[in-house]
PDB file of N, CA and C in Angstrom:
ATOM      1  N   MET A   1     -33.340 -89.702 -85.034  1.00  0.00           N
ATOM      2  CA  MET A   1     -32.750 -88.489 -85.728  1.00  0.00           C
ATOM      3  C   MET A   1     -33.672 -87.392 -85.227  1.00  0.00           C
ATOM      4  N   SER A   2     -33.265 -86.204 -85.035  1.00  0.00           N
ATOM      5  CA  SER A   2     -33.901 -85.384 -84.636  1.00  0.00           C
ATOM      6  C   SER A   2     -34.889 -84.724 -85.900  1.00  0.00           C
ATOM      7  N   VAL A   3     -35.855 -83.706 -85.613  1.00  0.00           N
ATOM      8  CA  VAL A   3     -36.634 -83.295 -86.598  1.00  0.00           C
ATOM      9  C   VAL A   3     -35.755 -82.255 -87.566  1.00  0.00           C
ATOM     10  N   ILE A   4     -35.029 -81.243 -86.578  1.00  0.00           N
ATOM     11  CA  ILE A   4     -34.229 -80.732 -87.557  1.00  0.00           C
ATOM     12  C   ILE A   4     -33.001 -81.248 -88.365  1.00  0.00           C
ATOM     13  N   GLY A   5     -32.491 -82.312 -87.883  1.00  0.00           N
ATOM     14  CA  GLY A   5     -31.380 -83.063 -88.584  1.00  0.00           C
ATOM     15  C   GLY A   5     -31.997 -83.739 -89.908  1.00  0.00           C
ATOM     16  N   ARG A   6     -33.327 -84.236 -89.723  1.00  0.00           N
ATOM     17  CA  ARG A   6     -33.840 -84.718 -91.078  1.00  0.00           C
ATOM     18  C   ARG A   6     -34.142 -83.397 -92.021  1.00  0.00           C
ATOM     19  N   ARG A   7     -34.875 -82.552 -91.462  1.00  0.00           N
ATOM     20  CA  ARG A   7     -35.021 -81.464 -92.525  1.00  0.00           C
ATOM     21  C   ARG A   7     -33.879 -80.536 -92.796  1.00  0.00           C
ATOM     22  N   GLY A   8     -32.683 -80.556 -92.119  1.00  0.00           N
ATOM     23  CA  GLY A   8     -31.723 -80.092 -92.464  1.00  0.00           C
ATOM     24  C   GLY A   8     -31.639 -78.540 -92.033  1.00  0.00           C
ATOM     25  N   LEU A   9     -30.366 -77.814 -92.364  1.00  0.00           N
ATOM     26  CA  LEU A   9     -30.277 -76.562 -91.940  1.00  0.00           C
ATOM     27  C   LEU A   9     -30.891 -75.763 -92.393  1.00  0.00           C
ATOM     28  N   HIS A  10     -31.686 -75.761 -93.487  1.00  0.00           N
ATOM     29  CA  HIS A  10     -32.324 -74.579 -94.310  1.00  0.00           C
ATOM     30  C   HIS A  10     -33.802 -74.604 -93.402  1.00  0.00           C
ATOM     31  N   TYR A  11     -34.235 -75.618 -92.720  1.00  0.00           N
ATOM     32  CA  TYR A  11     -35.271 -75.570 -91.615  1.00  0.00           C
ATOM     33  C   TYR A  11     -35.296 -74.339 -90.560  1.00  0.00           C
ATOM     34  N   LEU A  12     -33.884 -74.256 -90.254  1.00  0.00           N
ATOM     35  CA  LEU A  12     -33.619 -73.459 -89.288  1.00  0.00           C
ATOM     36  C   LEU A  12     -33.773 -71.757 -89.816  1.00  0.00           C
ATOM     37  N   HIS A  13     -33.765 -71.767 -91.009  1.00  0.00           N
ATOM     38  CA  HIS A  13     -33.961 -70.241 -91.572  1.00  0.00           C
ATOM     39  C   HIS A  13     -35.484 -70.029 -91.517  1.00  0.00           C
ATOM     40  N   THR A  14     -36.305 -71.054 -91.679  1.00  0.00           N
ATOM     41  CA  THR A  14     -37.714 -70.636 -91.543  1.00  0.00           C
ATOM     42  C   THR A  14     -38.096 -70.569 -90.364  1.00  0.00           C
ATOM     43  N   LEU A  15     -37.341 -70.624 -89.011  1.00  0.00           N
ATOM     44  CA  LEU A  15     -37.779 -70.302 -87.664  1.00  0.00           C
ATOM     45  C   LEU A  15     -37.366 -68.885 -87.361  1.00  0.00           C
ATOM     46  N   LYS A  16     -38.256 -68.031 -87.425  1.00  0.00           N
ATOM     47  CA  LYS A  16     -37.823 -66.667 -87.263  1.00  0.00           C
ATOM     48  C   LYS A  16     -38.647 -66.367 -85.920  1.00  0.00           C
ATOM     49  N   ALA A  17     -38.066 -64.997 -85.314  1.00  0.00           N
ATOM     50  CA  ALA A  17     -38.594 -64.683 -84.238  1.00  0.00           C
ATOM     51  C   ALA A  17     -40.113 -64.311 -84.077  1.00  0.00           C
ATOM     52  N   SER A  18     -40.730 -63.935 -85.300  1.00  0.00           N
ATOM     53  CA  SER A  18     -41.995 -63.759 -85.646  1.00  0.00           C
ATOM     54  C   SER A  18     -42.628 -65.052 -85.554  1.00  0.00           C
ATOM     55  N   ASN A  19     -42.287 -66.099 -85.600  1.00  0.00           N
ATOM     56  CA  ASN A  19     -42.897 -67.343 -85.569  1.00  0.00           C
ATOM     57  C   ASN A  19     -42.755 -68.028 -84.107  1.00  0.00           C
ATOM     58  N   VAL A  20     -42.414 -67.529 -83.534  1.00  0.00           N
ATOM     59  CA  VAL A  20     -41.860 -68.048 -82.154  1.00  0.00           C
ATOM     60  C   VAL A  20     -42.764 -67.160 -80.935  1.00  0.00           C
ATOM     61  N   PRO A  21     -43.456 -67.882 -80.321  1.00  0.00           N
ATOM     62  CA  PRO A  21     -44.491 -66.978 -79.250  1.00  0.00           C
ATOM     63  C   PRO A  21     -43.615 -66.202 -78.173  1.00  0.00           C
ATOM     64  N   ALA A  22     -43.923 -64.750 -78.064  1.00  0.00           N
ATOM     65  CA  ALA A  22     -43.165 -63.836 -77.106  1.00  0.00           C
ATOM     66  C   ALA A  22     -42.895 -64.550 -75.956  1.00  0.00           C
ATOM     67  N   ASP A  23     -43.635 -65.563 -75.209  1.00  0.00           N
ATOM     68  CA  ASP A  23     -43.524 -65.793 -73.858  1.00  0.00           C
ATOM     69  C   ASP A  23     -42.498 -66.785 -73.896  1.00  0.00           C
ATOM     70  N   LEU A  24     -42.424 -67.517 -75.160  1.00  0.00           N
ATOM     71  CA  LEU A  24     -41.393 -68.472 -75.191  1.00  0.00           C
ATOM     72  C   LEU A  24     -39.915 -67.871 -75.304  1.00  0.00           C
ATOM     73  N   ILE A  25     -40.029 -66.902 -76.071  1.00  0.00           N
ATOM     74  CA  ILE A  25     -38.586 -66.034 -76.087  1.00  0.00           C
ATOM     75  C   ILE A  25     -38.325 -65.491 -74.670  1.00  0.00           C
ATOM     76  N   GLN A  26     -39.391 -65.021 -73.917  1.00  0.00           N
ATOM     77  CA  GLN A  26     -39.082 -64.208 -72.834  1.00  0.00           C
ATOM     78  C   GLN A  26     -38.708 -65.402 -71.716  1.00  0.00           C
ATOM     79  N   LYS A  27     -39.109 -66.506 -71.838  1.00  0.00           N
ATOM     80  CA  LYS A  27     -38.799 -67.675 -70.850  1.00  0.00           C
ATOM     81  C   LYS A  27     -37.308 -68.117 -71.177  1.00  0.00           C
ATOM     82  N   GLY A  28     -36.969 -68.034 -72.256  1.00  0.00           N
ATOM     83  CA  GLY A  28     -35.398 -68.542 -72.695  1.00  0.00           C
ATOM     84  C   GLY A  28     -34.467 -67.580 -72.280  1.00  0.00           C
ATOM     85  N   GLN A  29     -35.147 -66.080 -72.568  1.00  0.00           N
ATOM     86  CA  GLN A  29     -33.821 -65.173 -72.097  1.00  0.00           C
ATOM     87  C   GLN A  29     -34.043 -65.056 -70.549  1.00  0.00           C
ATOM     88  N   ASP A  30     -35.025 -65.470 -69.898  1.00  0.00           N
ATOM     89  CA  ASP A  30     -34.769 -65.450 -68.126  1.00  0.00           C
ATOM     90  C   ASP A  30     -34.161 -66.527 -67.851  1.00  0.00           C
ATOM     91  N   ARG A  31     -33.934 -67.545 -68.582  1.00  0.00           N
ATOM     92  CA  ARG A  31     -33.339 -68.863 -68.204  1.00  0.00           C
ATOM     93  C   ARG A  31     -31.558 -68.325 -68.513  1.00  0.00           C
ATOM     94  N   VAL A  32     -31.601 -67.738 -69.624  1.00  0.00           N
ATOM     95  CA  VAL A  32     -30.026 -67.115 -70.112  1.00  0.00           C
ATOM     96  C   VAL A  32     -29.654 -66.482 -68.665  1.00  0.00           C
ATOM     97  N   ILE A  33     -30.189 -65.668 -68.526  1.00  0.00           N
ATOM     98  CA  ILE A  33     -30.077 -64.614 -67.536  1.00  0.00           C
ATOM     99  C   ILE A  33     -29.805 -65.399 -66.056  1.00  0.00           C
ATOM    100  N   ASP A  34     -30.794 -66.269 -65.522  1.00  0.00           N
ATOM    101  CA  ASP A  34     -30.569 -66.961 -64.236  1.00  0.00           C
ATOM    102  C   ASP A  34     -29.449 -67.757 -64.409  1.00  0.00           C
ATOM    103  N   ALA A  35     -29.054 -68.465 -65.555  1.00  0.00           N
ATOM    104  CA  ALA A  35     -27.864 -69.009 -65.464  1.00  0.00           C
ATOM    105  C   ALA A  35     -26.546 -68.453 -65.444  1.00  0.00           C
ATOM    106  N   SER A  36     -26.376 -67.030 -65.972  1.00  0.00           N
ATOM    107  CA  SER A  36     -25.385 -66.090 -65.742  1.00  0.00           C
ATOM    108  C   SER A  36     -25.057 -65.652 -64.623  1.00  0.00           C
ATOM    109  N   LEU A  37     -26.389 -65.398 -63.959  1.00  0.00           N
ATOM    110  CA  LEU A  37     -26.544 -64.897 -62.516  1.00  0.00           C
ATOM    111  C   LEU A  37     -25.847 -66.031 -61.443  1.00  0.00           C
ATOM    112  N   THR A  38     -26.210 -67.535 -61.691  1.00  0.00           N
ATOM    113  CA  THR A  38     -25.761 -68.256 -60.868  1.00  0.00           C
ATOM    114  C   THR A  38     -24.227 -68.811 -61.092  1.00  0.00           C
ATOM    115  N   LEU A  39     -23.892 -68.454 -62.205  1.00  0.00           N
ATOM    116  CA  LEU A  39     -22.577 -68.496 -62.526  1.00  0.00           C
ATOM    117  C   LEU A  39     -21.556 -67.641 -61.637  1.00  0.00           C
ATOM    118  N   ILE A  40     -22.116 -66.288 -61.664  1.00  0.00           N
ATOM    119  CA  ILE A  40     -21.590 -65.337 -61.265  1.00  0.00           C
ATOM    120  C   ILE A  40     -21.292 -65.437 -59.734  1.00  0.00           C
ATOM    121  N   ARG A  41     -22.719 -65.897 -59.178  1.00  0.00           N
ATOM    122  CA  ARG A  41     -22.652 -66.054 -57.642  1.00  0.00           C
ATOM    123  C   ARG A  41     -21.850 -67.339 -57.281  1.00  0.00           C
ATOM    124  N   GLU A  42     -21.620 -68.246 -57.878  1.00  0.00           N
ATOM    125  CA  GLU A  42     -20.824 -69.557 -57.643  1.00  0.00           C
ATOM    126  C   GLU A  42     -19.338 -69.172 -57.856  1.00  0.00           C
ATOM    127  N   ARG A  43     -18.836 -68.226 -58.936  1.00  0.00           N
ATOM    128  CA  ARG A  43     -17.473 -67.799 -59.051  1.00  0.00           C
ATOM    129  C   ARG A  43     -17.091 -66.687 -57.616  1.00  0.00           C
ATOM    130  N   VAL A  44     -17.963 -66.137 -57.320  1.00  0.00           N
ATOM    131  CA  VAL A  44     -17.906 -65.100 -56.154  1.00  0.00           C
ATOM    132  C   VAL A  44     -17.765 -66.042 -54.942  1.00  0.00           C
ATOM    133  N   LYS A  45     -18.379 -67.059 -54.622  1.00  0.00           N
ATOM    134  CA  LYS A  45     -18.625 -67.742 -53.644  1.00  0.00           C
ATOM    135  C   LYS A  45     -17.299 -68.638 -53.531  1.00  0.00           C
ATOM    136  N   LEU A  46     -16.685 -68.828 -54.695  1.00  0.00           N
ATOM    137  CA  LEU A  46     -15.461 -69.744 -54.892  1.00  0.00           C
ATOM    138  C   LEU A  46     -14.207 -68.898 -54.480  1.00  0.00           C
ATOM    139  N   LYS A  47     -14.167 -67.707 -54.701  1.00  0.00           N
ATOM    140  CA  LYS A  47     -13.350 -66.482 -54.490  1.00  0.00           C
ATOM    141  C   LYS A  47     -13.332 -66.156 -53.090  1.00  0.00           C
ATOM    142  N   GLY A  48     -14.482 -66.173 -52.469  1.00  0.00           N
ATOM    143  CA  GLY A  48     -14.651 -65.694 -51.104  1.00  0.00           C
ATOM    144  C   GLY A  48     -14.046 -66.933 -50.180  1.00  0.00           C
ATOM    145  N   GLU A  49     -14.333 -68.016 -50.536  1.00  0.00           N
ATOM    146  CA  GLU A  49     -13.630 -69.218 -49.899  1.00  0.00           C
ATOM    147  C   GLU A  49     -12.190 -69.577 -50.006  1.00  0.00           C
ATOM    148  N   LEU A  50     -11.622 -68.955 -51.108  1.00  0.00           N
ATOM    149  CA  LEU A  50     -10.299 -68.996 -51.659  1.00  0.00           C
ATOM    150  C   LEU A  50      -9.600 -67.819 -50.635  1.00  0.00           C
ATOM    151  N   LEU A  51     -10.304 -66.745 -50.322  1.00  0.00           N
ATOM    152  CA  LEU A  51      -9.603 -65.883 -49.657  1.00  0.00           C
ATOM    153  C   LEU A  51      -9.691 -66.038 -47.998  1.00  0.00           C
ATOM    154  N   ARG A  52     -10.729 -66.653 -47.666  1.00  0.00           N
ATOM    155  CA  ARG A  52     -10.639 -67.015 -46.370  1.00  0.00           C
ATOM    156  C   ARG A  52      -9.946 -68.192 -46.147  1.00  0.00           C
ATOM    157  N   ALA A  53      -9.650 -68.763 -47.170  1.00  0.00           N
ATOM    158  CA  ALA A  53      -8.637 -69.807 -46.814  1.00  0.00           C
ATOM    159  C   ALA A  53      -7.238 -69.443 -46.759  1.00  0.00           C
ATOM    160  N   LEU A  54      -6.902 -68.281 -47.372  1.00  0.00           N
ATOM    161  CA  LEU A  54      -5.605 -67.907 -47.555  1.00  0.00           C
ATOM    162  C   LEU A  54      -5.219 -66.749 -46.284  1.00  0.00           C
ATOM    163  N   GLY A  55      -6.428 -66.638 -45.549  1.00  0.00           N
ATOM    164  CA  GLY A  55      -6.260 -65.526 -44.395  1.00  0.00           C
ATOM    165  C   GLY A  55      -6.995 -64.235 -44.382  1.00  0.00           C
ATOM    166  N   GLY A  56      -8.152 -64.044 -45.674  1.00  0.00           N
ATOM    167  CA  GLY A  56      -8.503 -62.885 -45.548  1.00  0.00           C
ATOM    168  C   GLY A  56      -8.269 -61.790 -46.238  1.00  0.00           C
ATOM    169  N   ALA A  57      -8.920 -60.892 -46.650  1.00  0.00           N
ATOM    170  CA  ALA A  57      -8.523 -59.751 -47.342  1.00  0.00           C
ATOM    171  C   ALA A  57      -8.910 -58.452 -46.452  1.00  0.00           C
ATOM    172  N   LYS A  58      -7.972 -57.297 -46.881  1.00  0.00           N
ATOM    173  CA  LYS A  58      -8.236 -56.099 -46.041  1.00  0.00           C
ATOM    174  C   LYS A  58      -9.315 -55.303 -47.008  1.00  0.00           C
ATOM    175  N   ALA A  59     -10.470 -54.716 -46.332  1.00  0.00           N
ATOM    176  CA  ALA A  59     -11.317 -53.969 -47.146  1.00  0.00           C
ATOM    177  C   ALA A  59     -10.799 -52.430 -47.521  1.00  0.00           C
ATOM    178  N   THR A  60     -10.686 -51.865 -48.709  1.00  0.00           N
ATOM    179  CA  THR A  60     -10.064 -50.664 -49.004  1.00  0.00           C
ATOM    180  C   THR A  60     -11.123 -49.920 -50.049  1.00  0.00           C
ATOM    181  N   ALA A  61     -10.983 -48.773 -50.045  1.00  0.00           N
ATOM    182  CA  ALA A  61     -11.854 -47.910 -50.787  1.00  0.00           C
ATOM    183  C   ALA A  61     -11.172 -47.023 -51.814  1.00  0.00           C
ATOM    184  N   SER A  62     -11.370 -46.535 -52.665  1.00  0.00           N
ATOM    185  CA  SER A  62     -10.447 -45.782 -53.876  1.00  0.00           C
ATOM    186  C   SER A  62     -11.534 -44.759 -54.424  1.00  0.00           C
ATOM    187  N   LEU A  63     -10.780 -43.439 -54.596  1.00  0.00           N
ATOM    188  CA  LEU A  63     -11.543 -42.366 -54.978  1.00  0.00           C
ATOM    189  C   LEU A  63     -11.161 -42.280 -56.440  1.00  0.00           C
ATOM    190  N   LEU A  64     -12.033 -42.337 -57.464  1.00  0.00           N
ATOM    191  CA  LEU A  64     -11.784 -42.375 -58.822  1.00  0.00           C
ATOM    192  C   LEU A  64     -11.637 -41.058 -59.461  1.00  0.00           C
ATOM    193  N   GLY A  65     -12.792 -40.005 -59.211  1.00  0.00           N
ATOM    194  CA  GLY A  65     -12.389 -38.640 -59.701  1.00  0.00           C
ATOM    195  C   GLY A  65     -12.727 -38.749 -61.104  1.00  0.00           C
ATOM    196  N   VAL A  66     -13.845 -39.081 -61.766  1.00  0.00           N
ATOM    197  CA  VAL A  66     -14.155 -39.160 -63.182  1.00  0.00           C
ATOM    198  C   VAL A  66     -15.098 -38.067 -63.231  1.00  0.00           C
ATOM    199  N   PRO A  67     -14.562 -37.233 -64.100  1.00  0.00           N
ATOM    200  CA  PRO A  67     -15.336 -35.862 -64.173  1.00  0.00           C
ATOM    201  C   PRO A  67     -16.389 -36.015 -65.098  1.00  0.00           C
ATOM    202  N   LEU A  68     -17.534 -36.471 -64.740  1.00  0.00           N
ATOM    203  CA  LEU A  68     -18.724 -36.676 -65.555  1.00  0.00           C
ATOM    204  C   LEU A  68     -19.711 -35.524 -64.905  1.00  0.00           C
ATOM    205  N   GLY A  69     -20.630 -35.000 -65.891  1.00  0.00           N
ATOM    206  CA  GLY A  69     -21.618 -34.215 -65.209  1.00  0.00           C
ATOM    207  C   GLY A  69     -22.915 -34.379 -66.394  1.00  0.00           C
ATOM    208  N   HIS A  70     -22.726 -35.207 -67.486  1.00  0.00           N
ATOM    209  CA  HIS A  70     -24.001 -35.165 -68.342  1.00  0.00           C
ATOM    210  C   HIS A  70     -25.018 -35.684 -67.923  1.00  0.00           C
ATOM    211  N   ASN A  71     -25.327 -36.616 -66.644  1.00  0.00           N
ATOM    212  CA  ASN A  71     -26.369 -36.947 -66.061  1.00  0.00           C
ATOM    213  C   ASN A  71     -26.870 -36.139 -65.019  1.00  0.00           C
ATOM    214  N   SER A  72     -26.417 -34.893 -64.630  1.00  0.00           N
ATOM    215  CA  SER A  72     -26.645 -33.955 -63.943  1.00  0.00           C
ATOM    216  C   SER A  72     -28.051 -33.407 -64.283  1.00  0.00           C
ATOM    217  N   SER A  73     -28.964 -33.324 -63.235  1.00  0.00           N
ATOM    218  CA  SER A  73     -30.232 -32.619 -63.630  1.00  0.00           C
ATOM    219  C   SER A  73     -30.291 -31.240 -63.700  1.00  0.00           C
ATOM    220  N   PHE A  74     -29.128 -30.574 -63.291  1.00  0.00           N
ATOM    221  CA  PHE A  74     -29.145 -29.016 -63.310  1.00  0.00           C
ATOM    222  C   PHE A  74     -27.745 -28.669 -64.250  1.00  0.00           C
ATOM    223  N   LEU A  75     -26.891 -28.349 -64.083  1.00  0.00           N
ATOM    224  CA  LEU A  75     -25.644 -27.765 -64.736  1.00  0.00           C
ATOM    225  C   LEU A  75     -24.496 -29.149 -64.968  1.00  0.00           C
ATOM    226  N   GLN A  76     -23.531 -28.632 -65.543  1.00  0.00           N
ATOM    227  CA  GLN A  76     -22.372 -29.406 -65.745  1.00  0.00           C
ATOM    228  C   GLN A  76     -21.628 -29.401 -64.665  1.00  0.00           C
ATOM    229  N   GLY A  77     -21.964 -28.752 -63.426  1.00  0.00           N
ATOM    230  CA  GLY A  77     -21.084 -28.552 -62.232  1.00  0.00           C
ATOM    231  C   GLY A  77     -20.521 -29.684 -61.682  1.00  0.00           C
ATOM    232  N   PRO A  78     -21.086 -31.002 -61.613  1.00  0.00           N
ATOM    233  CA  PRO A  78     -20.488 -32.369 -61.211  1.00  0.00           C
ATOM    234  C   PRO A  78     -19.072 -32.763 -61.678  1.00  0.00           C
ATOM    235  N   ALA A  79     -18.920 -32.304 -63.096  1.00  0.00           N
ATOM    236  CA  ALA A  79     -17.765 -32.518 -63.866  1.00  0.00           C
ATOM    237  C   ALA A  79     -16.699 -31.733 -63.138  1.00  0.00           C
ATOM    238  N   PHE A  80     -16.748 -30.928 -62.428  1.00  0.00           N
ATOM    239  CA  PHE A  80     -15.476 -30.322 -61.818  1.00  0.00           C
ATOM    240  C   PHE A  80     -15.433 -30.397 -60.221  1.00  0.00           C
ATOM    241  N   ALA A  81     -16.098 -31.430 -59.738  1.00  0.00           N
ATOM    242  CA  ALA A  81     -16.154 -31.849 -58.644  1.00  0.00           C
ATOM    243  C   ALA A  81     -15.161 -32.604 -58.052  1.00  0.00           C
ATOM    244  N   PRO A  82     -14.421 -33.738 -58.807  1.00  0.00           N
ATOM    245  CA  PRO A  82     -13.266 -34.368 -58.367  1.00  0.00           C
ATOM    246  C   PRO A  82     -12.237 -33.639 -58.055  1.00  0.00           C
ATOM    247  N   PRO A  83     -11.489 -32.513 -58.645  1.00  0.00           N
ATOM    248  CA  PRO A  83     -10.700 -32.069 -58.145  1.00  0.00           C
ATOM    249  C   PRO A  83     -10.743 -31.243 -56.789  1.00  0.00           C
ATOM    250  N   ARG A  84     -12.075 -30.641 -56.478  1.00  0.00           N
ATOM    251  CA  ARG A  84     -12.477 -29.945 -55.343  1.00  0.00           C
ATOM    252  C   ARG A  84     -12.930 -30.956 -54.243  1.00  0.00           C
ATOM    253  N   ILE A  85     -12.899 -31.870 -54.650  1.00  0.00           N
ATOM    254  CA  ILE A  85     -13.212 -33.214 -53.237  1.00  0.00           C
ATOM    255  C   ILE A  85     -11.796 -33.410 -52.857  1.00  0.00           C
ATOM    256  N   ARG A  86     -10.911 -33.781 -53.593  1.00  0.00           N
ATOM    257  CA  ARG A  86      -9.534 -34.079 -53.337  1.00  0.00           C
ATOM    258  C   ARG A  86      -9.090 -32.732 -52.315  1.00  0.00           C
ATOM    259  N   GLU A  87      -9.250 -31.466 -52.905  1.00  0.00           N
ATOM    260  CA  GLU A  87      -8.759 -30.443 -52.243  1.00  0.00           C
ATOM    261  C   GLU A  87      -9.697 -30.532 -50.865  1.00  0.00           C
ATOM    262  N   ALA A  88     -10.768 -30.839 -50.643  1.00  0.00           N
ATOM    263  CA  ALA A  88     -11.669 -30.869 -49.247  1.00  0.00           C
ATOM    264  C   ALA A  88     -11.283 -31.795 -48.438  1.00  0.00           C
ATOM    265  N   ILE A  89     -10.799 -32.986 -48.887  1.00  0.00           N
ATOM    266  CA  ILE A  89     -10.223 -34.391 -47.975  1.00  0.00           C
ATOM    267  C   ILE A  89      -9.046 -34.007 -47.451  1.00  0.00           C
ATOM    268  N   TRP A  90      -8.292 -33.196 -47.960  1.00  0.00           N
ATOM    269  CA  TRP A  90      -6.903 -32.689 -47.364  1.00  0.00           C
ATOM    270  C   TRP A  90      -6.898 -31.408 -46.796  1.00  0.00           C
ATOM    271  N   CYS A  91      -8.036 -30.739 -46.493  1.00  0.00           N
ATOM    272  CA  CYS A  91      -8.102 -29.450 -46.011  1.00  0.00           C
ATOM    273  C   CYS A  91      -7.957 -30.056 -44.443  1.00  0.00           C
ATOM    274  N   GLY A  92      -7.307 -28.971 -43.748  1.00  0.00           N
ATOM    275  CA  GLY A  92      -7.083 -29.124 -42.128  1.00  0.00           C
ATOM    276  C   GLY A  92      -8.621 -29.099 -41.388  1.00  0.00           C
ATOM    277  N   SER A  93      -9.622 -28.531 -42.110  1.00  0.00           N
ATOM    278  CA  SER A  93     -10.897 -28.424 -41.073  1.00  0.00           C
ATOM    279  C   SER A  93     -11.696 -29.771 -41.299  1.00  0.00           C
ATOM    280  N   THR A  94     -11.354 -30.705 -42.232  1.00  0.00           N
ATOM    281  CA  THR A  94     -11.931 -31.905 -42.833  1.00  0.00           C
ATOM    282  C   THR A  94     -12.131 -32.876 -41.701  1.00  0.00           C
ATOM    283  N   ASN A  95     -12.915 -33.653 -41.190  1.00  0.00           N
ATOM    284  CA  ASN A  95     -13.037 -34.635 -40.220  1.00  0.00           C
ATOM    285  C   ASN A  95     -13.133 -36.035 -41.046  1.00  0.00           C
ATOM    286  N   SER A  96     -12.091 -36.729 -40.806  1.00  0.00           N
ATOM    287  CA  SER A  96     -12.180 -37.885 -41.575  1.00  0.00           C
ATOM    288  C   SER A  96     -12.532 -39.142 -40.688  1.00  0.00           C
ATOM    289  N   ALA A  97     -12.710 -39.296 -39.504  1.00  0.00           N
ATOM    290  CA  ALA A  97     -13.472 -40.200 -38.750  1.00  0.00           C
ATOM    291  C   ALA A  97     -14.451 -41.068 -39.044  1.00  0.00           C
ATOM    292  N   THR A  98     -15.084 -41.956 -39.112  1.00  0.00           N
ATOM    293  CA  THR A  98     -16.008 -42.718 -39.140  1.00  0.00           C
ATOM    294  C   THR A  98     -16.881 -42.827 -38.029  1.00  0.00           C
ATOM    295  N   GLU A  99     -18.109 -43.421 -38.022  1.00  0.00           N
ATOM    296  CA  GLU A  99     -18.679 -43.794 -36.876  1.00  0.00           C
ATOM    297  C   GLU A  99     -17.959 -44.521 -35.883  1.00  0.00           C
ATOM    298  N   GLU A 100     -17.362 -45.388 -36.324  1.00  0.00           N
ATOM    299  CA  GLU A 100     -16.537 -46.173 -35.389  1.00  0.00           C
ATOM    300  C   GLU A 100     -15.289 -45.705 -34.904  1.00  0.00           C
ATOM    301  N   GLY A 101     -15.039 -44.447 -35.278  1.00  0.00           N
ATOM    302  CA  GLY A 101     -13.814 -44.110 -34.581  1.00  0.00           C
ATOM    303  C   GLY A 101     -12.686 -43.996 -35.721  1.00  0.00           C
ATOM    304  N   SER A 102     -12.467 -44.807 -36.312  1.00  0.00           N
ATOM    305  CA  SER A 102     -11.289 -45.326 -37.287  1.00  0.00           C
ATOM    306  C   SER A 102     -11.197 -44.000 -38.434  1.00  0.00           C
ATOM    307  N   ASP A 103      -9.998 -43.904 -38.763  1.00  0.00           N
ATOM    308  CA  ASP A 103      -9.752 -42.983 -39.940  1.00  0.00           C
ATOM    309  C   ASP A 103      -9.746 -43.528 -41.222  1.00  0.00           C
ATOM    310  N   ALA A 104     -11.032 -42.672 -42.017  1.00  0.00           N
ATOM    311  CA  ALA A 104     -11.281 -43.260 -43.126  1.00  0.00           C
ATOM    312  C   ALA A 104     -10.590 -42.894 -44.512  1.00  0.00           C
ATOM    313  N   ILE A 105      -9.622 -41.980 -44.205  1.00  0.00           N
ATOM    314  CA  ILE A 105      -8.673 -41.822 -45.332  1.00  0.00           C
ATOM    315  C   ILE A 105      -7.405 -42.224 -44.977  1.00  0.00           C
ATOM    316  N   ALA A 106      -7.119 -43.111 -44.120  1.00  0.00           N
ATOM    317  CA  ALA A 106      -5.760 -43.742 -43.650  1.00  0.00           C
ATOM    318  C   ALA A 106      -5.164 -44.268 -44.945  1.00  0.00           C
ATOM    319  N   TYR A 107      -4.000 -44.543 -44.999  1.00  0.00           N
ATOM    320  CA  TYR A 107      -3.306 -44.672 -46.418  1.00  0.00           C
ATOM    321  C   TYR A 107      -3.790 -46.310 -46.549  1.00  0.00           C
ATOM    322  N   GLU A 108      -3.749 -46.932 -45.511  1.00  0.00           N
ATOM    323  CA  GLU A 108      -3.714 -48.364 -45.775  1.00  0.00           C
ATOM    324  C   GLU A 108      -5.430 -48.764 -46.149  1.00  0.00           C
ATOM    325  N   HIS A 109      -6.422 -47.818 -45.850  1.00  0.00           N
ATOM    326  CA  HIS A 109      -7.773 -48.279 -46.332  1.00  0.00           C
ATOM    327  C   HIS A 109      -8.292 -47.683 -47.501  1.00  0.00           C
ATOM    328  N   PHE A 110      -7.685 -46.381 -47.970  1.00  0.00           N
ATOM    329  CA  PHE A 110      -8.059 -45.677 -48.816  1.00  0.00           C
ATOM    330  C   PHE A 110      -7.145 -45.226 -49.927  1.00  0.00           C
ATOM    331  N   SER A 111      -7.536 -45.334 -51.148  1.00  0.00           N
ATOM    332  CA  SER A 111      -6.405 -45.113 -52.177  1.00  0.00           C
ATOM    333  C   SER A 111      -6.813 -44.163 -53.306  1.00  0.00           C
ATOM    334  N   PHE A 112      -6.255 -43.186 -53.798  1.00  0.00           N
ATOM    335  CA  PHE A 112      -6.635 -42.268 -54.951  1.00  0.00           C
ATOM    336  C   PHE A 112      -5.857 -42.729 -55.968  1.00  0.00           C
ATOM    337  N   SER A 113      -6.979 -42.546 -57.144  1.00  0.00           N
ATOM    338  CA  SER A 113      -6.396 -42.665 -58.704  1.00  0.00           C
ATOM    339  C   SER A 113      -6.148 -41.600 -59.282  1.00  0.00           C
ATOM    340  N   PRO A 114      -5.170 -41.725 -60.195  1.00  0.00           N
ATOM    341  CA  PRO A 114      -4.627 -40.433 -60.809  1.00  0.00           C
ATOM    342  C   PRO A 114      -5.722 -39.476 -61.164  1.00  0.00           C
ATOM    343  N   PRO A 115      -5.883 -38.275 -61.076  1.00  0.00           N
ATOM    344  CA  PRO A 115      -7.031 -37.666 -61.887  1.00  0.00           C
ATOM    345  C   PRO A 115      -7.197 -37.690 -63.313  1.00  0.00           C
ATOM    346  N   PHE A 116      -8.329 -37.789 -63.537  1.00  0.00           N
ATOM    347  CA  PHE A 116      -8.678 -37.899 -65.031  1.00  0.00           C
ATOM    348  C   PHE A 116      -8.531 -36.588 -65.697  1.00  0.00           C
ATOM    349  N   PRO A 117      -8.170 -36.505 -66.922  1.00  0.00           N
ATOM    350  CA  PRO A 117      -8.271 -35.209 -67.753  1.00  0.00           C
ATOM    351  C   PRO A 117      -9.519 -34.579 -67.982  1.00  0.00           C
TER     352      PRO A 117
END
């Protein structure tokens, strides 16, 4: 029988973070983070294998247009950018070609989400 089992659940209450060395807590947290990242990596690998087995997937991009400016180091101007970006994309003077010569905003490769209020 384990030590905790013999002493009972009341023993667990005496174990507090102040009694546990900081390096032991850090090691435990690092192990949890590593295990979580390993799980995520394995799930991504499995999804990739599934997509390859099904014939692959086409890469797409999407313009969200979230009006945020609270992280701006200057003024709240970035919050007004999404409608201006949409306007500039469809302007006749805009070049949408990539370095490879393909159209970056072709409908099969690029999508727009509805504007946020």
